[in-house]
């Protein structure tokens, strides 16, 4: 493949944006889709891509059943994104925060 061909190859980021992926903390991306309803309750599926994860899989996924309310779909989606951010904070907040502090201290000490 010629260099000009490689330069024109899409890398997938534009495709991800058109699919509705939202940026999340810790360099992650999240996607939430309403997948149906049962007895008036909305069913939502969600996934978080964790590109730097050293765990077995680079994603976290789940399903939420939202009881019938007067909330709009956008409000329900926002609530699920809030829950996803909480999951990331619980899993990675302290680890990533400590790493940032260590990196900052190292940078300061290198300048001294």
C-alpha atoms as a PDB file:
ATOM      1  CA  UNK A   1       0.000   0.000   0.000  1.00  0.00           C
ATOM      2  CA  UNK A   2       1.360   3.391  -0.972  1.00  0.00           C
ATOM      3  CA  UNK A   3       1.867   6.095   1.651  1.00  0.00           C
ATOM      4  CA  UNK A   4      -0.802   8.291   0.062  1.00  0.00           C
ATOM      5  CA  UNK A   5      -3.300   5.412   0.320  1.00  0.00           C
ATOM      6  CA  UNK A   6      -2.495   4.949   4.001  1.00  0.00           C
ATOM      7  CA  UNK A   7      -2.918   8.681   4.639  1.00  0.00           C
ATOM      8  CA  UNK A   8      -6.409   8.577   3.128  1.00  0.00           C
ATOM      9  CA  UNK A   9      -7.544   5.518   5.106  1.00  0.00           C
ATOM     10  CA  UNK A  10     -10.113   6.349   7.768  1.00  0.00           C
ATOM     11  CA  UNK A  11      -9.036   5.447  11.294  1.00  0.00           C
ATOM     12  CA  UNK A  12     -12.532   4.867  12.647  1.00  0.00           C
ATOM     13  CA  UNK A  13     -12.812   7.911  14.904  1.00  0.00           C
ATOM     14  CA  UNK A  14     -15.184   9.731  12.561  1.00  0.00           C
ATOM     15  CA  UNK A  15     -17.364   6.618  12.366  1.00  0.00           C
ATOM     16  CA  UNK A  16     -17.487   6.405  16.173  1.00  0.00           C
ATOM     17  CA  UNK A  17     -18.673  10.013  16.405  1.00  0.00           C
ATOM     18  CA  UNK A  18     -21.539   9.381  13.976  1.00  0.00           C
ATOM     19  CA  UNK A  19     -22.679   6.385  16.030  1.00  0.00           C
ATOM     20  CA  UNK A  20     -23.338   8.533  19.104  1.00  0.00           C
ATOM     21  CA  UNK A  21     -20.361   7.647  21.311  1.00  0.00           C
ATOM     22  CA  UNK A  22     -19.919  10.145  24.128  1.00  0.00           C
ATOM     23  CA  UNK A  23     -16.646  11.000  25.858  1.00  0.00           C
ATOM     24  CA  UNK A  24     -16.420   9.774  29.442  1.00  0.00           C
ATOM     25  CA  UNK A  25     -13.809  10.213  32.185  1.00  0.00           C
ATOM     26  CA  UNK A  26     -10.479   8.383  32.033  1.00  0.00           C
ATOM     27  CA  UNK A  27     -10.257   8.542  28.190  1.00  0.00           C
ATOM     28  CA  UNK A  28     -13.252   6.221  27.822  1.00  0.00           C
ATOM     29  CA  UNK A  29     -16.208   6.350  25.442  1.00  0.00           C
ATOM     30  CA  UNK A  30     -19.796   5.430  26.188  1.00  0.00           C
ATOM     31  CA  UNK A  31     -22.828   4.486  24.139  1.00  0.00           C
ATOM     32  CA  UNK A  32     -26.417   4.171  25.375  1.00  0.00           C
ATOM     33  CA  UNK A  33     -29.283   2.771  23.305  1.00  0.00           C
ATOM     34  CA  UNK A  34     -32.936   2.268  24.141  1.00  0.00           C
ATOM     35  CA  UNK A  35     -33.538  -1.319  23.109  1.00  0.00           C
ATOM     36  CA  UNK A  36     -37.216  -1.768  23.877  1.00  0.00           C
ATOM     37  CA  UNK A  37     -39.884  -1.753  26.529  1.00  0.00           C
ATOM     38  CA  UNK A  38     -41.683  -4.271  28.691  1.00  0.00           C
ATOM     39  CA  UNK A  39     -44.935  -3.464  30.487  1.00  0.00           C
ATOM     40  CA  UNK A  40     -44.279   0.263  30.103  1.00  0.00           C
ATOM     41  CA  UNK A  41     -40.718   0.068  31.446  1.00  0.00           C
ATOM     42  CA  UNK A  42     -37.932   1.185  29.114  1.00  0.00           C
ATOM     43  CA  UNK A  43     -34.992  -1.132  28.516  1.00  0.00           C
ATOM     44  CA  UNK A  44     -31.629   0.467  27.837  1.00  0.00           C
ATOM     45  CA  UNK A  45     -28.330  -1.154  26.863  1.00  0.00           C
ATOM     46  CA  UNK A  46     -25.030   0.580  27.467  1.00  0.00           C
ATOM     47  CA  UNK A  47     -21.336   0.002  26.886  1.00  0.00           C
ATOM     48  CA  UNK A  48     -18.167   1.783  27.975  1.00  0.00           C
ATOM     49  CA  UNK A  49     -14.964   1.334  25.964  1.00  0.00           C
ATOM     50  CA  UNK A  50     -11.883   1.332  28.186  1.00  0.00           C
ATOM     51  CA  UNK A  51      -9.065   1.463  25.613  1.00  0.00           C
ATOM     52  CA  UNK A  52      -6.203   1.340  28.109  1.00  0.00           C
ATOM     53  CA  UNK A  53      -7.599  -1.437  30.300  1.00  0.00           C
ATOM     54  CA  UNK A  54      -5.269  -4.241  31.316  1.00  0.00           C
ATOM     55  CA  UNK A  55      -8.214  -6.340  32.468  1.00  0.00           C
ATOM     56  CA  UNK A  56      -9.625  -9.246  30.472  1.00  0.00           C
ATOM     57  CA  UNK A  57     -11.887  -7.136  28.297  1.00  0.00           C
ATOM     58  CA  UNK A  58     -11.584  -3.491  27.236  1.00  0.00           C
ATOM     59  CA  UNK A  59     -15.235  -2.683  27.893  1.00  0.00           C
ATOM     60  CA  UNK A  60     -17.891  -2.563  30.594  1.00  0.00           C
ATOM     61  CA  UNK A  61     -21.477  -3.176  29.566  1.00  0.00           C
ATOM     62  CA  UNK A  62     -24.897  -3.527  31.075  1.00  0.00           C
ATOM     63  CA  UNK A  63     -28.633  -3.222  30.761  1.00  0.00           C
ATOM     64  CA  UNK A  64     -30.951  -0.938  32.680  1.00  0.00           C
ATOM     65  CA  UNK A  65     -34.687  -1.275  33.133  1.00  0.00           C
ATOM     66  CA  UNK A  66     -36.126   2.161  33.803  1.00  0.00           C
ATOM     67  CA  UNK A  67     -39.569   2.093  35.411  1.00  0.00           C
ATOM     68  CA  UNK A  68     -42.272   3.959  33.536  1.00  0.00           C
ATOM     69  CA  UNK A  69     -42.067   7.653  34.442  1.00  0.00           C
ATOM     70  CA  UNK A  70     -42.809  11.004  32.919  1.00  0.00           C
ATOM     71  CA  UNK A  71     -39.125  11.486  32.042  1.00  0.00           C
ATOM     72  CA  UNK A  72     -38.177  11.971  28.432  1.00  0.00           C
ATOM     73  CA  UNK A  73     -35.858   9.546  26.654  1.00  0.00           C
ATOM     74  CA  UNK A  74     -33.134  12.204  26.764  1.00  0.00           C
ATOM     75  CA  UNK A  75     -33.511  12.476  30.550  1.00  0.00           C
ATOM     76  CA  UNK A  76     -33.375   8.689  30.957  1.00  0.00           C
ATOM     77  CA  UNK A  77     -30.291   8.536  28.705  1.00  0.00           C
ATOM     78  CA  UNK A  78     -28.626  11.292  30.781  1.00  0.00           C
ATOM     79  CA  UNK A  79     -29.352   9.353  33.991  1.00  0.00           C
ATOM     80  CA  UNK A  80     -27.704   6.254  32.540  1.00  0.00           C
ATOM     81  CA  UNK A  81     -24.634   8.253  31.467  1.00  0.00           C
ATOM     82  CA  UNK A  82     -24.438   9.564  35.040  1.00  0.00           C
ATOM     83  CA  UNK A  83     -24.503   5.983  36.321  1.00  0.00           C
ATOM     84  CA  UNK A  84     -21.757   5.028  33.826  1.00  0.00           C
ATOM     85  CA  UNK A  85     -19.556   7.895  35.049  1.00  0.00           C
ATOM     86  CA  UNK A  86     -20.097   6.666  38.604  1.00  0.00           C
ATOM     87  CA  UNK A  87     -19.026   3.152  37.619  1.00  0.00           C
ATOM     88  CA  UNK A  88     -15.811   4.539  36.103  1.00  0.00           C
ATOM     89  CA  UNK A  89     -15.146   6.688  39.179  1.00  0.00           C
ATOM     90  CA  UNK A  90     -15.667   3.702  41.486  1.00  0.00           C
ATOM     91  CA  UNK A  91     -13.401   1.449  39.424  1.00  0.00           C
ATOM     92  CA  UNK A  92     -10.634   3.776  38.320  1.00  0.00           C
ATOM     93  CA  UNK A  93     -10.948   7.082  40.192  1.00  0.00           C
ATOM     94  CA  UNK A  94      -8.530   6.421  43.004  1.00  0.00           C
ATOM     95  CA  UNK A  95      -6.022   4.550  40.825  1.00  0.00           C
ATOM     96  CA  UNK A  96      -5.973   7.166  38.066  1.00  0.00           C
ATOM     97  CA  UNK A  97      -5.998  10.018  40.602  1.00  0.00           C
ATOM     98  CA  UNK A  98      -3.039   8.547  42.476  1.00  0.00           C
ATOM     99  CA  UNK A  99      -1.169   8.029  39.205  1.00  0.00           C
ATOM    100  CA  UNK A 100      -1.779  11.695  38.274  1.00  0.00           C
ATOM    101  CA  UNK A 101      -0.416  12.832  41.646  1.00  0.00           C
ATOM    102  CA  UNK A 102       2.639  10.577  41.252  1.00  0.00           C
ATOM    103  CA  UNK A 103       3.261  11.910  37.734  1.00  0.00           C
ATOM    104  CA  UNK A 104       2.909  15.495  38.943  1.00  0.00           C
ATOM    105  CA  UNK A 105       5.330  14.966  41.835  1.00  0.00           C
ATOM    106  CA  UNK A 106       7.798  13.252  39.534  1.00  0.00           C
ATOM    107  CA  UNK A 107       7.608  16.157  37.101  1.00  0.00           C
ATOM    108  CA  UNK A 108       8.235  18.683  39.881  1.00  0.00           C
ATOM    109  CA  UNK A 109      11.146  16.700  41.293  1.00  0.00           C
ATOM    110  CA  UNK A 110      12.715  16.370  37.828  1.00  0.00           C
ATOM    111  CA  UNK A 111      12.679  20.173  37.459  1.00  0.00           C
ATOM    112  CA  UNK A 112      14.490  20.686  40.785  1.00  0.00           C
END
